[in-house]
N, C-alpha and C. Protein backbone atom coordinates (compact mmCIF):
# COMPACT_ATOMS: atom_id res chain seq x y z
N MET A 1 -20.96 -93.80 -75.21
CA MET A 1 -20.10 -92.91 -74.48
C MET A 1 -19.71 -93.47 -73.48
N VAL A 2 -20.24 -92.84 -72.97
CA VAL A 2 -20.59 -93.15 -71.10
C VAL A 2 -20.66 -94.52 -70.61
N SER A 3 -20.98 -95.50 -71.04
CA SER A 3 -21.26 -97.10 -71.10
C SER A 3 -19.53 -97.18 -71.74
N ASP A 4 -18.52 -96.53 -72.58
CA ASP A 4 -17.53 -96.93 -72.82
C ASP A 4 -16.66 -97.34 -72.09
N TYR A 5 -15.26 -97.83 -71.95
CA TYR A 5 -13.84 -98.41 -71.22
C TYR A 5 -13.74 -97.74 -71.64
N VAL A 6 -12.78 -96.70 -71.60
CA VAL A 6 -11.48 -95.98 -71.60
C VAL A 6 -10.34 -95.73 -70.94
N ALA A 7 -9.15 -96.31 -72.50
CA ALA A 7 -7.64 -96.75 -71.88
C ALA A 7 -6.62 -95.46 -72.85
N LYS A 8 -5.33 -95.68 -71.88
CA LYS A 8 -5.12 -94.77 -72.11
C LYS A 8 -3.71 -95.20 -73.60
N GLY A 9 -3.73 -94.40 -73.81
CA GLY A 9 -2.94 -95.72 -76.02
C GLY A 9 -1.81 -95.60 -75.57
N ILE A 10 -1.23 -96.69 -76.48
CA ILE A 10 0.02 -97.44 -75.27
C ILE A 10 1.60 -96.95 -76.46
N ASN A 11 0.88 -95.41 -77.58
CA ASN A 11 1.90 -94.38 -77.62
C ASN A 11 2.62 -92.94 -76.83
N VAL A 12 1.34 -93.21 -75.39
CA VAL A 12 1.56 -92.01 -74.87
C VAL A 12 2.75 -92.48 -73.49
N SER A 13 3.41 -91.10 -73.78
CA SER A 13 4.49 -91.78 -72.04
C SER A 13 3.82 -90.33 -70.85
N CYS A 14 4.19 -89.88 -70.02
CA CYS A 14 2.99 -89.22 -69.10
C CYS A 14 4.25 -89.17 -68.47
N ARG A 15 4.10 -87.65 -67.23
CA ARG A 15 4.50 -87.85 -65.58
C ARG A 15 3.87 -86.93 -64.82
N THR A 16 4.24 -87.42 -63.89
CA THR A 16 3.09 -86.35 -63.01
C THR A 16 4.33 -85.41 -61.85
N ILE A 17 3.83 -84.02 -62.33
CA ILE A 17 4.62 -83.68 -61.15
C ILE A 17 3.78 -82.54 -60.61
N ASP A 18 3.77 -82.10 -59.10
CA ASP A 18 2.94 -81.32 -58.23
C ASP A 18 1.58 -81.49 -58.29
N GLY A 19 1.28 -82.66 -59.31
CA GLY A 19 -0.02 -82.92 -59.61
C GLY A 19 -0.20 -82.57 -60.63
N GLU A 20 0.37 -82.64 -61.93
CA GLU A 20 -0.09 -82.44 -62.79
C GLU A 20 0.76 -83.06 -63.43
N ALA A 21 -0.20 -83.76 -64.88
CA ALA A 21 0.37 -84.61 -65.94
C ALA A 21 0.60 -84.01 -67.13
N PHE A 22 1.73 -84.00 -67.32
CA PHE A 22 1.95 -84.35 -68.41
C PHE A 22 2.32 -85.40 -70.14
N ILE A 23 1.28 -85.61 -70.61
CA ILE A 23 0.91 -86.65 -71.78
C ILE A 23 2.02 -86.13 -72.77
N PHE A 24 2.49 -86.62 -73.22
CA PHE A 24 3.44 -87.19 -74.90
C PHE A 24 3.20 -87.95 -75.68
N ASN A 25 2.36 -87.89 -76.39
CA ASN A 25 1.62 -88.78 -77.90
C ASN A 25 2.78 -88.14 -78.92
N GLU A 26 3.47 -90.31 -78.09
CA GLU A 26 4.82 -90.13 -79.42
C GLU A 26 4.45 -90.24 -80.69
N ASP A 27 3.65 -90.21 -80.66
CA ASP A 27 3.23 -90.46 -82.31
C ASP A 27 2.53 -88.88 -83.02
N THR A 28 2.46 -88.26 -82.36
CA THR A 28 1.91 -87.46 -82.86
C THR A 28 3.14 -86.20 -82.56
N ARG A 29 3.89 -86.10 -81.53
CA ARG A 29 4.92 -85.53 -81.44
C ARG A 29 4.33 -84.39 -80.02
N ILE A 30 2.97 -84.57 -80.22
CA ILE A 30 2.26 -83.64 -78.85
C ILE A 30 2.21 -83.81 -77.10
N LEU A 31 2.93 -82.99 -76.40
CA LEU A 31 2.97 -82.25 -75.05
C LEU A 31 1.99 -82.39 -74.85
N MET A 32 1.33 -82.49 -73.64
CA MET A 32 0.10 -81.26 -72.98
C MET A 32 0.44 -81.70 -71.81
N LYS A 33 -0.03 -81.00 -70.77
CA LYS A 33 0.35 -80.20 -69.64
C LYS A 33 -1.44 -80.28 -69.04
N LEU A 34 -2.01 -80.88 -67.90
CA LEU A 34 -2.60 -81.23 -67.16
C LEU A 34 -2.85 -80.24 -66.29
N ASP A 35 -3.62 -79.64 -65.84
CA ASP A 35 -4.18 -79.22 -65.11
C ASP A 35 -4.70 -80.47 -63.91
N LYS A 36 -4.90 -79.80 -62.56
CA LYS A 36 -5.01 -80.65 -61.49
C LYS A 36 -6.76 -81.44 -61.77
N VAL A 37 -7.19 -80.94 -61.61
CA VAL A 37 -8.75 -81.15 -62.35
C VAL A 37 -8.49 -82.52 -63.91
N GLY A 38 -7.91 -81.90 -64.44
CA GLY A 38 -7.82 -82.45 -65.69
C GLY A 38 -6.56 -84.68 -65.77
N SER A 39 -5.55 -84.19 -64.41
CA SER A 39 -4.87 -84.79 -63.58
C SER A 39 -5.03 -85.46 -63.34
N PHE A 40 -6.59 -85.94 -62.66
CA PHE A 40 -7.65 -86.76 -61.65
C PHE A 40 -8.38 -87.56 -62.60
N ILE A 41 -8.29 -86.31 -63.75
CA ILE A 41 -9.50 -87.76 -64.21
C ILE A 41 -8.51 -88.73 -65.48
N TRP A 42 -7.23 -88.63 -65.19
CA TRP A 42 -6.35 -88.77 -66.08
C TRP A 42 -5.43 -90.19 -65.38
N ASP A 43 -6.41 -89.89 -64.07
CA ASP A 43 -5.23 -90.22 -63.32
C ASP A 43 -6.48 -92.06 -63.29
N GLN A 44 -7.35 -91.77 -63.32
CA GLN A 44 -8.55 -92.83 -63.16
C GLN A 44 -9.02 -93.48 -65.07
N ILE A 45 -8.19 -93.37 -65.95
CA ILE A 45 -8.73 -93.76 -67.08
C ILE A 45 -7.76 -95.12 -66.59
N ASN A 46 -7.44 -96.58 -66.65
CA ASN A 46 -7.16 -97.76 -66.90
C ASN A 46 -7.61 -98.66 -67.53
N GLY A 47 -8.68 -97.83 -68.13
CA GLY A 47 -9.35 -98.91 -69.38
C GLY A 47 -9.94 -100.27 -68.49
N ARG A 48 -10.19 -100.81 -67.69
CA ARG A 48 -11.19 -101.68 -67.02
C ARG A 48 -12.73 -100.43 -66.22
N LYS A 49 -12.74 -98.97 -66.41
CA LYS A 49 -13.46 -98.52 -66.00
C LYS A 49 -14.61 -98.12 -67.43
N THR A 50 -15.66 -97.60 -66.87
CA THR A 50 -16.46 -96.38 -68.30
C THR A 50 -16.22 -95.19 -67.87
N VAL A 51 -16.63 -94.74 -68.59
CA VAL A 51 -16.76 -93.73 -69.02
C VAL A 51 -17.69 -93.33 -67.38
N GLU A 52 -18.90 -93.80 -67.35
CA GLU A 52 -19.60 -93.46 -66.26
C GLU A 52 -19.46 -94.27 -65.41
N GLU A 53 -18.49 -94.63 -64.69
CA GLU A 53 -17.93 -94.79 -63.65
C GLU A 53 -16.74 -94.05 -63.36
N ILE A 54 -16.00 -93.64 -64.57
CA ILE A 54 -15.79 -92.17 -63.90
C ILE A 54 -15.71 -91.08 -63.38
N LEU A 55 -16.96 -91.02 -64.14
CA LEU A 55 -17.88 -89.34 -63.99
C LEU A 55 -18.31 -90.02 -62.16
N THR A 56 -18.75 -90.88 -62.02
CA THR A 56 -19.08 -91.23 -60.92
C THR A 56 -18.16 -90.98 -59.29
N ILE A 57 -16.82 -91.33 -59.94
CA ILE A 57 -15.81 -90.83 -58.98
C ILE A 57 -16.01 -89.59 -59.27
N CYS A 58 -15.14 -89.21 -60.50
CA CYS A 58 -15.83 -87.42 -60.19
C CYS A 58 -17.00 -86.68 -59.38
N TYR A 59 -18.07 -87.08 -59.47
CA TYR A 59 -19.47 -86.47 -59.05
C TYR A 59 -19.05 -87.02 -57.29
N HIS A 60 -18.42 -87.81 -56.40
CA HIS A 60 -17.80 -87.52 -55.55
C HIS A 60 -16.86 -86.45 -54.84
N ALA A 61 -15.79 -86.77 -55.97
CA ALA A 61 -14.29 -85.58 -55.92
C ALA A 61 -14.75 -84.39 -55.43
N PHE A 62 -15.25 -83.75 -56.22
CA PHE A 62 -15.89 -82.25 -56.22
C PHE A 62 -16.80 -81.90 -56.45
N THR A 63 -16.93 -80.29 -56.09
CA THR A 63 -17.93 -79.79 -55.52
C THR A 63 -19.05 -78.78 -56.76
N ASP A 64 -18.30 -78.81 -57.01
CA ASP A 64 -19.44 -78.64 -58.68
C ASP A 64 -21.08 -79.63 -59.11
N ASP A 65 -22.07 -78.79 -59.64
CA ASP A 65 -23.10 -79.71 -59.84
C ASP A 65 -22.97 -80.63 -60.64
N GLU A 66 -23.78 -82.14 -60.22
CA GLU A 66 -23.20 -83.15 -61.81
C GLU A 66 -23.59 -82.97 -62.86
N GLY A 67 -24.53 -81.58 -63.35
CA GLY A 67 -23.80 -81.27 -65.21
C GLY A 67 -23.20 -80.48 -65.15
N LYS A 68 -22.69 -80.17 -64.15
CA LYS A 68 -21.36 -79.34 -64.97
C LYS A 68 -20.28 -80.29 -65.35
N ILE A 69 -19.82 -81.28 -63.31
CA ILE A 69 -18.58 -82.18 -63.58
C ILE A 69 -19.17 -83.01 -64.97
N ARG A 70 -20.04 -83.74 -65.65
CA ARG A 70 -20.04 -84.93 -66.43
C ARG A 70 -20.32 -83.91 -67.15
N GLU A 71 -20.11 -82.60 -68.22
CA GLU A 71 -20.53 -81.75 -68.98
C GLU A 71 -18.38 -81.62 -69.20
N VAL A 72 -17.21 -81.11 -68.26
CA VAL A 72 -15.97 -81.04 -67.92
C VAL A 72 -15.72 -82.42 -68.51
N VAL A 73 -15.54 -84.05 -67.71
CA VAL A 73 -15.79 -84.85 -68.21
C VAL A 73 -15.23 -84.99 -69.74
N LEU A 74 -17.12 -85.59 -69.82
CA LEU A 74 -17.68 -85.62 -70.98
C LEU A 74 -16.36 -85.00 -72.35
N ASP A 75 -16.16 -83.58 -72.03
CA ASP A 75 -15.58 -82.66 -73.28
C ASP A 75 -13.99 -83.28 -73.25
N PHE A 76 -13.82 -83.32 -71.90
CA PHE A 76 -12.32 -83.49 -71.47
C PHE A 76 -11.60 -85.22 -72.33
N ILE A 77 -12.27 -86.05 -71.86
CA ILE A 77 -12.28 -87.63 -73.02
C ILE A 77 -12.55 -87.05 -73.91
N SER A 78 -13.25 -86.09 -74.89
CA SER A 78 -13.08 -86.24 -76.34
C SER A 78 -11.81 -85.76 -76.71
N ASP A 79 -11.85 -84.95 -75.93
CA ASP A 79 -10.51 -83.74 -75.76
C ASP A 79 -9.24 -84.83 -76.63
N LEU A 80 -8.80 -85.84 -75.38
CA LEU A 80 -8.02 -86.60 -75.59
C LEU A 80 -8.21 -87.67 -76.53
N GLN A 81 -9.43 -88.09 -76.95
CA GLN A 81 -9.25 -89.20 -77.47
C GLN A 81 -9.65 -88.88 -79.28
N GLU A 82 -9.71 -87.51 -79.71
CA GLU A 82 -9.50 -86.71 -81.18
C GLU A 82 -7.86 -86.50 -81.07
N ASN A 83 -6.96 -86.42 -80.00
CA ASN A 83 -6.18 -86.03 -79.98
C ASN A 83 -4.60 -87.29 -79.70
N ASN A 84 -5.76 -88.69 -80.12
CA ASN A 84 -5.49 -90.42 -79.81
C ASN A 84 -4.13 -90.20 -78.71
N VAL A 85 -5.14 -89.32 -77.47
CA VAL A 85 -4.45 -90.14 -76.49
C VAL A 85 -4.62 -91.03 -75.57
N VAL A 86 -6.58 -91.44 -75.88
CA VAL A 86 -7.10 -92.83 -75.30
C VAL A 86 -8.05 -92.96 -76.24
N VAL A 87 -8.01 -94.66 -76.35
CA VAL A 87 -9.12 -95.27 -76.86
C VAL A 87 -10.39 -95.43 -76.02
N LEU A 88 -11.71 -95.32 -76.62
CA LEU A 88 -12.57 -96.13 -76.10
C LEU A 88 -13.62 -97.77 -76.99
N SER A 89 -13.18 -98.84 -76.11
CA SER A 89 -14.71 -99.80 -76.36
C SER A 89 -15.36 -100.26 -75.68
N ASP A 90 -15.82 -100.84 -75.89
CA ASP A 90 -17.45 -101.43 -75.62
C ASP A 90 -17.23 -102.35 -74.67
N GLU A 91 -16.09 -102.46 -74.54
CA GLU A 91 -15.28 -104.65 -73.55
C GLU A 91 -13.97 -103.57 -72.96
N ALA A 92 -13.96 -104.19 -71.92
CA ALA A 92 -12.45 -103.64 -71.30
C ALA A 92 -11.06 -104.02 -71.20
N PHE A 93 -10.25 -103.22 -71.34
CA PHE A 93 -9.33 -103.49 -71.77
C PHE A 93 -8.81 -104.58 -70.99
N GLU A 94 -8.06 -105.84 -72.58
CA GLU A 94 -7.31 -106.89 -71.52
C GLU A 94 -6.19 -107.01 -71.18
N GLY A 95 -4.90 -107.11 -70.00
CA GLY A 95 -3.53 -106.44 -70.47
C GLY A 95 -2.47 -105.08 -70.61
N VAL A 96 -3.27 -104.40 -70.15
CA VAL A 96 -3.04 -103.27 -70.01
C VAL A 96 -2.59 -102.89 -69.23
N MET A 97 -2.27 -101.60 -68.74
CA MET A 97 -1.13 -101.38 -67.70
C MET A 97 -2.06 -99.88 -67.03
N ILE A 98 -2.38 -101.03 -65.41
CA ILE A 98 -2.80 -100.04 -64.64
C ILE A 98 -2.98 -98.23 -64.69
N SER A 99 -1.59 -98.63 -64.72
CA SER A 99 -0.95 -96.74 -64.61
C SER A 99 -0.27 -96.48 -65.12
N ALA A 100 -0.36 -95.35 -66.77
CA ALA A 100 0.66 -95.57 -67.37
C ALA A 100 1.60 -94.53 -66.79
N CYS A 101 1.20 -93.87 -65.33
CA CYS A 101 1.23 -92.99 -64.28
C CYS A 101 1.20 -91.91 -63.46
C-alpha cells in the first residue's frame, strides 16, 4: 500500500469548513465529516503522491511518534478506500484534479 499512489474518487464531492472536510460519496449517498487531522491527510491526496509521500508530509506536520502517525494514516487511507472514497494504483493518476476541495 505505501508505494501506491492515492487519488480521490470521481464520484466524491467535498467541502471544507473551518478546517474540517465534509466528503459526500455520490454512489453510496454517505456523508463523512473529517476532523482536522483527517482533513489534512485528505488535502494531501491528489493522485500524484504515494501513500509513503503522504506519510513523510505527516511526519513533518505532526508531533506524535512516527509509528503512531504511520498507523493513523494507513488506517485512515484504508477506511477511505473501503468506503470507495479513494482509489489506489501502482502508477500516478493522470488528468485528475489536484484538489477536489
